[in-house]
Structure formats: structure tokens, C-alpha cells
Amino acid sequence: MTRQQTKDRILDAAEKLYAEYGFAETSTRAITHAAGVNLAAVNYHFGSKEGLFRDLVARRFDPINAERIARLDALEALGEPSLEQVLEALVAPILALRLNDPRGAGLLVQITGRLTSPKQTHTDELGEIFRKTSERFMAALRRCIPELGEREQLWRLNCTIGVMIGTMLDPHGFLQKEADSDELHFEREVLADIIAFLAAGLRAPSRNTSQETRHG
């Protein structure tokens, strides 16, 4: 077995166990047993259990975030993108994963949920995986809704993330296309529906402005 094969086996085993039980509840011994390697392999390839988790998250998120940044770069090279264009750059890569690799998307959602668990005390170490993408899209979206205050902007962007997570979970089966439908057409329709919903929510009149108007 090559070094890369060993590393991939450890990552695959850890991903399944972390998604099911969480970081704190999953021992290194359980991971190495599932991967069929010895305990020293984790330290050799990742430095620590925390390093393994960071590499696991990066393996899933790095390709998605790289595509998001590339899409946004291309848009901004042509001028100031619209709200819909920014949202498409943000949502399209994650939707494509959900439609083309439902299992991978499911694992990603489970791991994301584990990241937000109160028991996860090491998540600050993962900031670099998300920071560049978050900062770029936060700035781009804020330029599209400058009429809102900072708190409202953050709250609506948080709701946008919630919609993306819900899309990956798809609890009601909306992403189950008909057997005879065209995959590309279906993906475009779903993407258009998501973007229309998100754009309407982000553009909604400020609640604070509405209250001021009522009381004025």
C-alpha cells in the first residue's frame, strides 16, 4: 500500500466515524481499526487527531471553495456582479455536489453539523479552510445589499447558508428528478429556484426601516 493509499484509507474511515459520532466521541484507535492501519499511521500522516480532522474537512471543502472563488473572480473581472450572479457562484458548486454525489453531500452536511456542535472545541484551527471564501462572498453580497445594516446583512447571509445546508439534506425529496428528465436542465431549474428565493430574501425591505416608517 502506498503512502497516499494509506492516507486516503484513514481519511475515509475517519469521515464515516466523525459524521456518525462526532470528533470528541471518535477515538484514534477506532479510526485506525476501521482503516486497517496501525496507530502510528495517524501521527505519521497528519501529526495528530486534530490534524486528521482538519485534512478531512479540507478534502471535502477545498474543491468546492476553489470553484466558488474561481467563479467569483471571473464575474468580478467583468465588473460588479449582480446579486443573482454572486449567489449562483456560491450555490452552484454545492448543488452540483448534491446532485452528482448525494453520499458525499450527505457526509459533508453531517460533518458541518459536527463542526457547530458545542463539544467541538478545536474548530478555530479550521478557520483557514473557510476564511478566504467567506470574506470574498461576504464582501460581494454586502455590496449588493448596501441599504441594510451590518447586523441585518449578517443575519440574512446566515439564513442563506441555512438554505444551502437544507438543500444538501433535501428531506422532502425535491432533488429527485424524473427518470426521463434531462440532468442539466433539471440542475439549472433547481439552481434558478434557489437563487430566486435567496435573492428575494436578501432584497426584502429592512425590518428596521419598516418599523421606523410605522412609527414615523
Protein backbone atom coordinates (compact mmCIF):
# COMPACT_ATOMS: atom_id res chain seq x y z
CA MET A 1 0.00 0.00 0.00
CA THR A 2 1.41 3.43 -0.96
CA ARG A 3 1.57 6.37 1.43
CA GLN A 4 -1.29 8.10 -0.39
CA GLN A 5 -3.42 4.97 -0.26
CA THR A 6 -2.84 4.67 3.47
CA LYS A 7 -3.67 8.32 3.98
CA ASP A 8 -6.87 8.02 1.93
CA ARG A 9 -7.96 4.94 3.87
CA ILE A 10 -7.52 6.78 7.16
CA LEU A 11 -9.44 9.80 5.84
CA ASP A 12 -12.26 7.62 4.51
CA ALA A 13 -12.60 5.78 7.81
CA ALA A 14 -12.42 8.96 9.88
CA GLU A 15 -15.01 10.69 7.70
CA LYS A 16 -17.58 7.96 8.27
CA LEU A 17 -16.94 7.79 12.02
CA TYR A 18 -16.84 11.56 12.59
CA ALA A 19 -20.06 12.02 10.60
CA GLU A 20 -21.82 9.41 12.72
CA TYR A 21 -20.36 10.03 16.18
CA GLY A 22 -18.56 13.37 16.13
CA PHE A 23 -14.95 14.29 16.75
CA ALA A 24 -14.88 14.01 20.54
CA GLU A 25 -16.61 10.61 20.60
CA THR A 26 -14.38 9.02 17.94
CA SER A 27 -11.08 7.60 19.15
CA THR A 28 -7.95 7.35 17.06
CA ARG A 29 -7.95 3.63 17.76
CA ALA A 30 -11.44 3.28 16.24
CA ILE A 31 -10.28 5.14 13.12
CA THR A 32 -7.15 3.03 12.63
CA HIS A 33 -9.08 -0.16 13.26
CA ALA A 34 -11.66 0.79 10.61
CA ALA A 35 -8.89 1.77 8.19
CA GLY A 36 -6.86 -1.38 8.85
CA VAL A 37 -3.69 0.52 9.78
CA ASN A 38 -1.63 0.90 12.95
CA LEU A 39 -1.98 3.75 15.45
CA ALA A 40 1.31 5.35 14.45
CA ALA A 41 -0.05 5.99 10.94
CA VAL A 42 -2.27 8.87 12.12
CA ASN A 43 0.63 10.77 13.66
CA TYR A 44 2.85 9.98 10.68
CA HIS A 45 0.42 11.30 8.07
CA PHE A 46 -1.47 14.01 9.99
CA GLY A 47 0.52 14.89 13.08
CA SER A 48 -2.43 14.42 15.44
CA LYS A 49 -6.11 13.58 15.64
CA GLU A 50 -6.85 17.30 15.19
CA GLY A 51 -4.65 17.41 12.09
CA LEU A 52 -6.54 14.45 10.67
CA PHE A 53 -9.86 16.22 11.17
CA ARG A 54 -8.57 19.38 9.54
CA ASP A 55 -7.38 17.45 6.47
CA LEU A 56 -10.68 15.59 6.32
CA VAL A 57 -12.69 18.85 6.26
CA ALA A 58 -10.29 20.40 3.76
CA ARG A 59 -10.59 17.39 1.46
CA ARG A 60 -14.33 17.97 1.14
CA PHE A 61 -14.47 21.77 1.19
CA ASP A 62 -11.33 22.84 -0.71
CA PRO A 63 -12.58 21.83 -4.20
CA ILE A 64 -15.96 23.47 -3.57
CA ASN A 65 -14.44 26.70 -2.27
CA ALA A 66 -11.87 26.80 -5.07
CA GLU A 67 -14.65 26.63 -7.66
CA ARG A 68 -16.64 29.30 -5.83
CA ILE A 69 -13.66 31.67 -5.80
CA ALA A 70 -12.90 30.97 -9.47
CA ARG A 71 -16.49 31.78 -10.42
CA LEU A 72 -16.46 34.99 -8.39
CA ASP A 73 -13.09 36.02 -9.84
CA ALA A 74 -14.45 35.58 -13.36
CA LEU A 75 -17.53 37.67 -12.57
CA GLU A 76 -15.63 40.49 -10.90
CA ALA A 77 -13.14 40.62 -13.79
CA LEU A 78 -16.07 41.78 -15.95
CA GLY A 79 -17.37 44.38 -13.50
CA GLU A 80 -19.63 44.46 -10.45
CA PRO A 81 -21.72 41.26 -10.44
CA SER A 82 -25.42 41.24 -9.64
CA LEU A 83 -26.83 39.65 -6.52
CA GLU A 84 -28.08 36.70 -8.59
CA GLN A 85 -24.65 36.16 -10.13
CA VAL A 86 -22.91 36.17 -6.75
CA LEU A 87 -25.46 33.72 -5.38
CA GLU A 88 -25.01 31.41 -8.35
CA ALA A 89 -21.23 31.36 -7.79
CA LEU A 90 -21.86 30.48 -4.15
CA VAL A 91 -24.62 27.89 -4.59
CA ALA A 92 -23.91 26.14 -7.90
CA PRO A 93 -20.87 24.10 -6.73
CA ILE A 94 -22.65 22.74 -3.66
CA LEU A 95 -25.79 21.94 -5.66
CA ALA A 96 -23.72 20.09 -8.26
CA LEU A 97 -22.18 18.00 -5.47
CA ARG A 98 -25.62 17.18 -4.09
CA LEU A 99 -26.97 16.10 -7.48
CA ASN A 100 -23.88 14.22 -8.66
CA ASP A 101 -22.65 12.74 -5.37
CA PRO A 102 -25.51 12.51 -2.83
CA ARG A 103 -23.44 10.38 -0.47
CA GLY A 104 -20.59 12.88 -0.45
CA ALA A 105 -23.04 15.72 0.11
CA GLY A 106 -24.63 13.83 2.99
CA LEU A 107 -21.29 13.31 4.67
CA LEU A 108 -20.47 16.97 4.17
CA VAL A 109 -23.68 18.02 5.91
CA GLN A 110 -23.06 15.66 8.80
CA ILE A 111 -19.51 16.92 9.25
CA THR A 112 -20.70 20.53 9.03
CA GLY A 113 -23.22 19.77 11.76
CA ARG A 114 -20.50 18.27 13.91
CA LEU A 115 -18.39 21.40 13.39
CA THR A 116 -21.10 23.50 15.03
CA SER A 117 -21.57 21.16 17.98
CA PRO A 118 -20.81 22.70 21.40
CA LYS A 119 -18.44 19.77 22.02
CA GLN A 120 -16.19 20.77 19.15
CA THR A 121 -13.61 22.93 20.90
CA HIS A 122 -10.94 22.80 18.19
CA THR A 123 -12.82 24.44 15.32
CA ASP A 124 -10.78 27.67 15.40
CA GLU A 125 -7.98 25.66 13.79
CA LEU A 126 -10.20 25.14 10.74
CA GLY A 127 -10.68 28.85 10.04
CA GLU A 128 -8.19 28.97 7.18
CA ILE A 129 -10.24 26.45 5.21
CA PHE A 130 -13.21 28.82 5.08
CA ARG A 131 -11.80 32.30 5.69
CA LYS A 132 -10.91 33.38 2.16
CA THR A 133 -14.18 32.16 0.68
CA SER A 134 -16.26 33.65 3.48
CA GLU A 135 -14.57 37.03 3.27
CA ARG A 136 -14.84 37.25 -0.50
CA PHE A 137 -18.51 36.33 -0.67
CA MET A 138 -19.45 38.35 2.38
CA ALA A 139 -17.98 41.45 0.77
CA ALA A 140 -19.59 40.74 -2.61
CA LEU A 141 -23.03 40.13 -1.14
CA ARG A 142 -22.82 43.19 1.09
CA ARG A 143 -22.12 45.36 -1.95
CA CYS A 144 -25.36 44.02 -3.43
CA ILE A 145 -27.46 44.95 -0.37
CA PRO A 146 -25.85 48.17 0.94
CA GLU A 147 -29.20 49.51 2.14
CA LEU A 148 -29.22 47.01 5.02
CA GLY A 149 -27.39 47.49 8.28
CA GLU A 150 -24.48 45.23 9.13
CA ARG A 151 -26.49 43.13 11.60
CA GLU A 152 -29.27 42.52 9.09
CA GLN A 153 -26.76 41.67 6.39
CA LEU A 154 -25.12 39.08 8.62
CA TRP A 155 -28.43 37.60 9.67
CA ARG A 156 -29.66 37.21 6.10
CA LEU A 157 -26.36 35.74 4.98
CA ASN A 158 -26.64 33.26 7.84
CA CYS A 159 -30.10 32.30 6.55
CA THR A 160 -28.58 31.86 3.08
CA ILE A 161 -26.13 29.31 4.49
CA GLY A 162 -29.07 27.56 6.16
CA VAL A 163 -30.83 27.22 2.81
CA MET A 164 -27.72 25.64 1.27
CA ILE A 165 -27.46 23.11 4.09
CA GLY A 166 -31.16 22.33 3.74
CA THR A 167 -30.68 21.83 0.02
CA MET A 168 -27.96 19.26 0.62
CA LEU A 169 -30.14 17.42 3.14
CA ASP A 170 -33.22 17.53 0.85
CA PRO A 171 -35.54 15.95 3.47
CA HIS A 172 -38.61 16.16 1.19
CA GLY A 173 -37.01 14.74 -1.94
CA PHE A 174 -37.24 17.83 -4.13
CA LEU A 175 -33.95 16.91 -5.78
CA GLN A 176 -35.23 13.57 -7.03
CA LYS A 177 -35.62 14.17 -10.76
CA GLU A 178 -37.86 12.17 -13.05
CA ALA A 179 -36.13 9.23 -14.70
CA ASP A 180 -36.65 10.65 -18.20
CA SER A 181 -35.74 14.28 -17.40
CA ASP A 182 -32.58 15.95 -18.67
CA GLU A 183 -30.00 16.23 -15.87
CA LEU A 184 -28.54 19.56 -16.96
CA HIS A 185 -31.97 21.13 -17.44
CA PHE A 186 -33.09 19.84 -14.04
CA GLU A 187 -30.00 21.24 -12.32
CA ARG A 188 -30.50 24.64 -13.95
CA GLU A 189 -34.15 24.74 -12.88
CA VAL A 190 -33.33 23.87 -9.28
CA LEU A 191 -30.50 26.41 -9.19
CA ALA A 192 -32.78 29.13 -10.59
CA ASP A 193 -35.43 28.38 -7.94
CA ILE A 194 -32.91 28.53 -5.10
CA ILE A 195 -31.36 31.77 -6.34
CA ALA A 196 -34.76 33.42 -6.84
CA PHE A 197 -35.71 32.55 -3.25
CA LEU A 198 -32.42 33.71 -1.76
CA ALA A 199 -32.31 36.94 -3.77
CA ALA A 200 -35.84 37.84 -2.70
CA GLY A 201 -34.97 37.27 0.95
CA LEU A 202 -31.75 39.26 0.76
CA ARG A 203 -33.50 42.15 -1.03
CA ALA A 204 -36.50 42.30 1.29
CA PRO A 205 -37.04 45.74 2.86
CA SER A 206 -35.19 46.30 6.07
CA ARG A 207 -37.24 45.37 9.12
CA ASN A 208 -35.80 48.37 10.94
CA THR A 209 -36.84 50.71 8.13
CA SER A 210 -40.36 49.26 8.20
CA GLN A 211 -40.61 49.82 11.93
CA GLU A 212 -39.34 53.39 11.59
CA THR A 213 -41.91 54.03 8.86
CA ARG A 214 -44.77 52.69 11.01
CA HIS A 215 -43.72 54.75 13.99
CA GLY A 216 -42.91 57.86 11.92
